[in-house]
Amino acid sequence: MKLLGLPFDVHTNTLWIGRKDVAQEVGFSLFGECNLRCDFCCDAYRHNNNASIEKIEACLRHYKEVLPTIPRHHINVKLLGGELFQDKFDQSIFGAYDTFIGSLIEETNRCGKEIHLSTSSNLVFHKRERVLGLLQKYNIRLLASFDLVGRFRHQRQVEIFLDNSKYFSSNGIKFAVAFVATNGNIQSIYNKTNLFKEWEELYNLYPMQFTYYNDVGIDGYTVYEKDLYKFFDYCLKNYPKIVNVQTLIDEYKGKVLPNSYCTGEIWINESDIYHCCDLKQASINLLKNKECLICEYSDRCSGTCNRLFNESNFCHKKAFFEYLKSSQYVR
């Protein structure tokens, strides 16, 4: 098994900063089995296996092991597959989800900490009532994954996604549509091609945000930090409601408490606990290359992902703040 980060060591990563007022991100990769085959998916680097109750139970045991070592009060837990909500899964798997999530909450509270739950789904399923029940029971934040290119193979899959979006919205689930800022998606937005019409409709209906990683390793999908800044600039002018854009605007205006700390992510699967990166070294590299300590925006910047952005001298956030400074967005 190839891991994206480093084996978990409580003494080298999550504790080195020592701040307790920043939430710790914990991600569960419960299994690799999925009902789609996205071109840019990185699950193959983590693991590729089928769902099972035993693997879900193993993830819980790992969480119990690592939880007491986390010094932070707030734990943001992401529940991921593969795809958790596939139609072919019988009630035993969904029952295991229920037990697993209930135990996560119980263990976290027992340690005197608060837990905040979220999950991502491609929404390509028909048995949606059971998904709705799980989301409502545990107040799980839903990110609905929609990409203009590289995700859906058939128009019917897109139609199911759109129909389920309406279903969850009409039943009171407040979710966000999330896409990956790959080069393929960005170019499709610029050129209004592929699933742009559906994407724009979703933008007008629901909160929308994007995730980003520069280590896709697939030709035609990788985006670098200067490209990311250009995309932020384009979204500000054309799609300003995108959550990522509004967050940067709020930071610039001083509405977000600056911390400039990245806690990194602890990832858990059935056989391993690992960090997203060598957080300490990545942080040192970022401070050096970005010159964060002498940046004029350090008093309002909430920091960034040290793993993704530590190697480049260019800072997309600084460039965006400088653009805001020269425009009507004055603090």
Protein backbone atom coordinates (compact mmCIF):
# COMPACT_ATOMS: atom_id res chain seq x y z
CA MET A 1 0.00 0.00 0.00
CA LYS A 2 1.31 3.42 -0.95
CA LEU A 3 0.54 6.21 1.49
CA LEU A 4 0.24 9.86 0.54
CA GLY A 5 1.95 11.02 3.72
CA LEU A 6 3.99 9.77 6.66
CA PRO A 7 3.20 7.08 9.24
CA PHE A 8 1.59 8.64 12.29
CA ASP A 9 3.99 9.76 15.00
CA VAL A 10 2.49 11.82 17.77
CA HIS A 11 5.86 13.39 18.58
CA THR A 12 6.71 14.81 15.17
CA ASN A 13 3.71 16.42 13.55
CA THR A 14 0.44 17.36 15.17
CA LEU A 15 2.03 18.50 18.43
CA TRP A 16 4.93 20.53 17.19
CA ILE A 17 2.95 23.76 16.80
CA GLY A 18 1.13 23.28 20.08
CA ARG A 19 -1.84 25.55 19.42
CA LYS A 20 -5.10 24.23 20.78
CA ASP A 21 -7.50 26.79 19.32
CA VAL A 22 -7.18 25.50 15.74
CA ALA A 23 -9.34 22.55 14.69
CA GLN A 24 -7.63 19.27 13.86
CA GLU A 25 -8.62 17.70 10.56
CA VAL A 26 -9.11 13.93 10.63
CA GLY A 27 -10.06 12.06 7.49
CA PHE A 28 -11.39 8.50 7.27
CA SER A 29 -10.85 6.57 4.07
CA LEU A 30 -13.15 3.70 4.97
CA PHE A 31 -12.55 1.79 1.73
CA GLY A 32 -11.63 2.43 -1.90
CA GLU A 33 -14.65 0.91 -3.62
CA CYS A 34 -16.56 3.40 -5.78
CA ASN A 35 -19.34 3.44 -8.38
CA LEU A 36 -17.47 5.96 -10.58
CA ARG A 37 -13.98 6.05 -12.04
CA CYS A 38 -12.94 9.69 -11.97
CA ASP A 39 -9.88 10.47 -14.07
CA PHE A 40 -8.29 12.55 -11.31
CA CYS A 41 -9.10 10.33 -8.33
CA CYS A 42 -6.25 9.76 -5.89
CA ASP A 43 -7.88 6.85 -4.04
CA ALA A 44 -5.70 4.41 -5.94
CA TYR A 45 -2.71 5.85 -4.10
CA ARG A 46 -4.33 5.19 -0.73
CA HIS A 47 -5.94 1.83 -1.22
CA ASN A 48 -8.30 0.00 -3.54
CA ASN A 49 -10.49 -2.43 -1.68
CA ASN A 50 -14.09 -3.40 -1.12
CA ALA A 51 -16.31 -2.13 1.67
CA SER A 52 -16.68 -4.33 4.74
CA ILE A 53 -17.90 -4.04 8.31
CA GLU A 54 -14.50 -5.26 9.53
CA LYS A 55 -12.68 -2.41 7.80
CA ILE A 56 -15.06 0.17 9.24
CA GLU A 57 -14.55 -1.29 12.72
CA ALA A 58 -10.77 -1.18 12.24
CA CYS A 59 -10.98 2.54 11.44
CA LEU A 60 -12.79 3.11 14.72
CA ARG A 61 -10.06 1.28 16.66
CA HIS A 62 -7.43 3.50 15.04
CA TYR A 63 -9.41 6.62 15.96
CA LYS A 64 -9.56 5.54 19.60
CA GLU A 65 -5.79 5.14 19.49
CA VAL A 66 -5.01 8.55 18.05
CA LEU A 67 -7.71 10.69 19.66
CA PRO A 68 -6.09 11.08 23.13
CA THR A 69 -2.89 12.37 21.49
CA ILE A 70 -4.62 15.30 19.74
CA PRO A 71 -4.24 18.47 21.84
CA ARG A 72 -6.97 20.41 20.06
CA HIS A 73 -10.52 20.79 21.28
CA HIS A 74 -12.31 20.78 17.91
CA ILE A 75 -12.03 17.76 15.63
CA ASN A 76 -13.26 18.10 12.04
CA VAL A 77 -13.95 14.58 10.81
CA LYS A 78 -14.35 13.79 7.11
CA LEU A 79 -16.02 10.49 6.21
CA LEU A 80 -14.94 9.24 2.80
CA GLY A 81 -14.81 6.11 0.69
CA GLY A 82 -14.69 5.41 -2.20
CA GLU A 83 -18.36 6.23 -2.43
CA LEU A 84 -20.17 5.55 0.85
CA PHE A 85 -23.73 5.60 -0.43
CA GLN A 86 -23.74 3.12 -3.31
CA ASP A 87 -27.04 1.40 -4.05
CA LYS A 88 -25.48 -2.08 -3.94
CA PHE A 89 -24.60 -1.77 -0.26
CA ASP A 90 -27.10 -3.61 1.90
CA GLN A 91 -28.42 -2.44 5.25
CA SER A 92 -25.59 -4.15 7.13
CA ILE A 93 -23.12 -1.60 5.73
CA PHE A 94 -25.41 1.30 6.56
CA GLY A 95 -25.91 -0.15 10.00
CA ALA A 96 -22.13 -0.23 10.39
CA TYR A 97 -22.02 3.45 9.38
CA ASP A 98 -24.58 4.25 12.06
CA THR A 99 -22.65 2.40 14.75
CA PHE A 100 -19.34 3.85 13.59
CA ILE A 101 -20.52 7.47 13.59
CA GLY A 102 -22.26 7.10 16.94
CA SER A 103 -19.06 5.68 18.41
CA LEU A 104 -16.97 8.51 16.93
CA ILE A 105 -19.19 11.05 18.66
CA GLU A 106 -19.20 9.13 21.94
CA GLU A 107 -15.41 8.68 22.04
CA THR A 108 -14.76 12.31 21.10
CA ASN A 109 -17.10 13.63 23.76
CA ARG A 110 -15.61 11.27 26.33
CA CYS A 111 -12.24 12.92 25.71
CA GLY A 112 -13.79 16.35 26.31
CA LYS A 113 -13.61 17.38 22.66
CA GLU A 114 -16.14 18.53 20.07
CA ILE A 115 -16.62 16.74 16.78
CA HIS A 116 -17.89 18.18 13.49
CA LEU A 117 -18.81 15.69 10.77
CA SER A 118 -18.78 16.01 7.00
CA THR A 119 -18.87 13.65 4.05
CA SER A 120 -18.48 13.83 0.28
CA SER A 121 -20.64 12.00 -2.22
CA ASN A 122 -21.07 11.89 -5.98
CA LEU A 123 -24.86 11.58 -5.40
CA VAL A 124 -25.14 8.87 -8.06
CA PHE A 125 -27.53 6.56 -6.22
CA HIS A 126 -31.26 5.83 -5.99
CA LYS A 127 -31.67 4.67 -2.38
CA ARG A 128 -31.60 8.18 -1.02
CA GLU A 129 -34.00 7.91 1.89
CA ARG A 130 -31.49 5.98 3.98
CA VAL A 131 -28.79 8.55 3.16
CA LEU A 132 -31.11 11.38 4.18
CA GLY A 133 -31.82 9.62 7.49
CA LEU A 134 -28.12 9.26 8.29
CA LEU A 135 -27.31 12.88 7.43
CA GLN A 136 -30.21 14.17 9.53
CA LYS A 137 -29.57 11.91 12.51
CA TYR A 138 -25.96 13.01 12.97
CA ASN A 139 -26.09 16.50 11.43
CA ILE A 140 -23.46 15.57 8.86
CA ARG A 141 -22.41 18.30 6.45
CA LEU A 142 -22.67 17.09 2.85
CA LEU A 143 -20.37 18.04 -0.02
CA ALA A 144 -21.87 16.98 -3.35
CA SER A 145 -19.05 16.29 -5.81
CA PHE A 146 -19.68 17.62 -9.31
CA ASP A 147 -17.05 18.11 -11.99
CA LEU A 148 -17.41 19.40 -15.50
CA VAL A 149 -15.02 16.86 -16.95
CA GLY A 150 -13.44 13.60 -15.80
CA ARG A 151 -16.13 12.42 -13.36
CA PHE A 152 -19.36 11.39 -15.09
CA ARG A 153 -19.30 8.90 -17.95
CA HIS A 154 -22.97 9.08 -18.91
CA GLN A 155 -25.57 11.82 -19.01
CA ARG A 156 -27.85 9.65 -16.88
CA GLN A 157 -25.35 9.94 -14.01
CA VAL A 158 -25.53 13.73 -14.29
CA GLU A 159 -29.33 13.60 -14.23
CA ILE A 160 -29.30 11.46 -11.07
CA PHE A 161 -26.92 13.94 -9.42
CA LEU A 162 -29.16 16.90 -10.27
CA ASP A 163 -32.30 15.09 -9.10
CA ASN A 164 -30.71 14.08 -5.80
CA SER A 165 -29.51 17.65 -5.28
CA LYS A 166 -33.10 18.83 -5.43
CA TYR A 167 -34.22 16.00 -3.16
CA PHE A 168 -31.76 16.74 -0.37
CA SER A 169 -32.34 20.48 -0.64
CA SER A 170 -36.12 20.05 -0.45
CA ASN A 171 -35.65 17.91 2.68
CA GLY A 172 -33.69 20.55 4.53
CA ILE A 173 -30.16 19.30 3.94
CA LYS A 174 -27.88 22.30 3.58
CA PHE A 175 -25.08 21.10 1.38
CA ALA A 176 -22.44 22.59 -0.88
CA VAL A 177 -21.56 21.55 -4.38
CA ALA A 178 -17.82 20.87 -4.60
CA PHE A 179 -15.60 20.53 -7.63
CA VAL A 180 -11.89 19.92 -7.98
CA ALA A 181 -9.89 22.79 -9.44
CA THR A 182 -8.20 20.68 -12.09
CA ASN A 183 -7.03 22.20 -15.35
CA GLY A 184 -9.82 20.35 -17.15
CA ASN A 185 -12.52 21.87 -14.95
CA ILE A 186 -11.02 25.36 -15.04
CA GLN A 187 -10.71 25.36 -18.80
CA SER A 188 -14.27 24.08 -19.13
CA ILE A 189 -15.47 27.03 -17.02
CA TYR A 190 -13.39 29.52 -19.01
CA ASN A 191 -14.60 28.14 -22.34
CA LYS A 192 -18.15 27.23 -21.22
CA THR A 193 -17.80 23.65 -22.44
CA ASN A 194 -18.60 20.11 -21.26
CA LEU A 195 -21.00 20.28 -18.26
CA PHE A 196 -20.73 24.06 -17.89
CA LYS A 197 -24.48 24.64 -18.25
CA GLU A 198 -25.25 22.25 -15.39
CA TRP A 199 -22.37 23.63 -13.30
CA GLU A 200 -23.62 27.20 -13.67
CA GLU A 201 -27.15 26.10 -12.74
CA LEU A 202 -25.78 24.50 -9.58
CA TYR A 203 -23.82 27.67 -8.80
CA ASN A 204 -27.04 29.67 -8.95
CA LEU A 205 -28.94 27.22 -6.73
CA TYR A 206 -26.55 26.10 -4.00
CA PRO A 207 -23.39 27.12 -2.16
CA MET A 208 -20.39 26.08 -4.21
CA GLN A 209 -16.74 25.54 -3.35
CA PHE A 210 -13.72 23.87 -4.81
CA THR A 211 -10.90 21.71 -3.55
CA TYR A 212 -7.42 21.84 -4.96
CA TYR A 213 -4.32 19.71 -5.12
CA ASN A 214 -1.29 20.12 -7.32
CA ASP A 215 -0.05 16.54 -7.10
CA VAL A 216 -2.64 14.86 -9.31
CA GLY A 217 0.19 13.58 -11.50
CA ILE A 218 -2.09 13.25 -14.52
CA ASP A 219 -1.41 15.13 -17.74
CA GLY A 220 -4.03 17.76 -18.44
CA TYR A 221 -5.28 17.99 -14.86
CA THR A 222 -2.49 19.54 -12.82
CA VAL A 223 -2.87 23.20 -11.82
CA TYR A 224 -0.08 25.30 -10.35
CA GLU A 225 -0.34 28.18 -7.92
CA LYS A 226 -0.18 30.96 -10.51
CA ASP A 227 -3.00 29.22 -12.40
CA LEU A 228 -4.95 29.03 -9.15
CA TYR A 229 -4.60 32.79 -8.60
CA LYS A 230 -5.86 33.46 -12.14
CA PHE A 231 -8.84 31.24 -11.44
CA PHE A 232 -9.60 33.10 -8.19
CA ASP A 233 -9.46 36.36 -10.14
CA TYR A 234 -11.82 34.98 -12.80
CA CYS A 235 -14.27 33.70 -10.18
CA LEU A 236 -14.25 37.05 -8.35
CA LYS A 237 -15.34 38.77 -11.56
CA ASN A 238 -17.81 36.14 -12.74
CA TYR A 239 -18.77 33.81 -9.86
CA PRO A 240 -18.09 35.75 -6.66
CA LYS A 241 -20.43 33.63 -4.51
CA ILE A 242 -18.01 30.68 -4.62
CA VAL A 243 -17.13 30.00 -0.99
CA ASN A 244 -13.36 30.03 -1.55
CA VAL A 245 -13.54 33.52 -3.03
CA GLN A 246 -15.74 34.88 -0.27
CA THR A 247 -13.41 33.40 2.36
CA LEU A 248 -10.43 35.27 0.91
CA ILE A 249 -12.43 38.48 0.73
CA ASP A 250 -13.44 38.07 4.38
CA GLU A 251 -9.81 37.47 5.31
CA TYR A 252 -8.73 40.58 3.47
CA LYS A 253 -11.39 42.63 5.25
CA GLY A 254 -10.30 41.27 8.62
CA LYS A 255 -13.48 39.27 9.22
CA VAL A 256 -11.63 36.00 9.74
CA LEU A 257 -9.47 35.42 12.79
CA PRO A 258 -5.91 35.03 11.48
CA ASN A 259 -3.91 32.08 12.72
CA SER A 260 -1.34 31.32 10.00
CA TYR A 261 -1.16 27.73 11.24
CA CYS A 262 -1.83 24.55 9.34
CA THR A 263 -2.46 21.55 11.57
CA GLY A 264 -2.18 19.11 8.70
CA GLU A 265 -4.54 16.19 8.29
CA ILE A 266 -4.48 12.86 10.08
CA TRP A 267 -5.73 10.13 7.75
CA ILE A 268 -7.07 6.80 8.92
CA ASN A 269 -7.90 3.70 6.93
CA GLU A 270 -8.36 0.07 7.91
CA SER A 271 -4.64 -0.63 8.27
CA ASP A 272 -2.86 2.69 8.83
CA ILE A 273 -2.82 6.05 10.56
CA TYR A 274 -0.75 8.60 8.70
CA HIS A 275 -0.15 12.31 8.19
CA CYS A 276 -0.79 14.14 4.96
CA CYS A 277 2.84 15.30 4.95
CA ASP A 278 5.89 16.02 7.06
CA LEU A 279 4.09 18.99 8.58
CA LYS A 280 7.04 20.49 10.38
CA GLN A 281 9.33 20.48 7.35
CA ALA A 282 6.53 21.65 5.03
CA SER A 283 5.80 24.54 7.40
CA ILE A 284 9.45 25.59 7.50
CA ASN A 285 9.64 25.46 3.70
CA LEU A 286 6.47 27.51 3.34
CA LEU A 287 7.58 30.23 5.74
CA LYS A 288 10.90 30.46 3.93
CA ASN A 289 9.66 30.37 0.34
CA LYS A 290 6.58 32.54 0.84
CA GLU A 291 8.29 34.90 3.33
CA CYS A 292 5.13 34.79 5.42
CA LEU A 293 6.65 36.42 8.50
CA ILE A 294 7.37 39.68 6.64
CA CYS A 295 4.29 39.64 4.41
CA GLU A 296 2.15 42.78 4.75
CA TYR A 297 -0.96 40.60 4.91
CA SER A 298 0.24 38.39 7.76
CA ASP A 299 -2.09 40.20 10.17
CA ARG A 300 -5.16 38.94 8.33
CA CYS A 301 -4.09 35.75 6.56
CA SER A 302 -5.51 32.56 8.06
CA GLY A 303 -2.80 30.44 6.54
CA THR A 304 -2.90 27.82 3.82
CA CYS A 305 -2.14 24.15 3.15
CA ASN A 306 1.53 23.64 3.90
CA ARG A 307 1.69 20.40 1.93
CA LEU A 308 0.37 21.87 -1.31
CA PHE A 309 1.96 25.29 -1.26
CA ASN A 310 5.36 25.00 0.47
CA GLU A 311 7.59 24.64 -2.61
CA SER A 312 6.62 27.74 -4.60
CA ASN A 313 7.80 31.30 -4.01
CA PHE A 314 4.59 32.61 -5.56
CA CYS A 315 1.64 32.96 -3.16
CA HIS A 316 -1.84 32.91 -4.67
CA LYS A 317 -3.33 34.43 -1.51
CA LYS A 318 -0.91 37.36 -1.47
CA ALA A 319 -1.52 37.98 -5.16
CA PHE A 320 -5.27 37.92 -4.58
CA PHE A 321 -4.99 40.30 -1.60
CA GLU A 322 -2.91 42.68 -3.70
CA TYR A 323 -5.58 42.64 -6.37
CA LEU A 324 -8.24 43.41 -3.77
CA LYS A 325 -6.11 46.23 -2.43
CA SER A 326 -5.96 47.82 -5.87
CA SER A 327 -9.71 47.46 -6.42
CA GLN A 328 -12.85 48.47 -4.56
CA TYR A 329 -12.29 45.90 -1.78
CA VAL A 330 -10.62 48.22 0.70
CA ARG A 331 -10.27 47.16 4.32
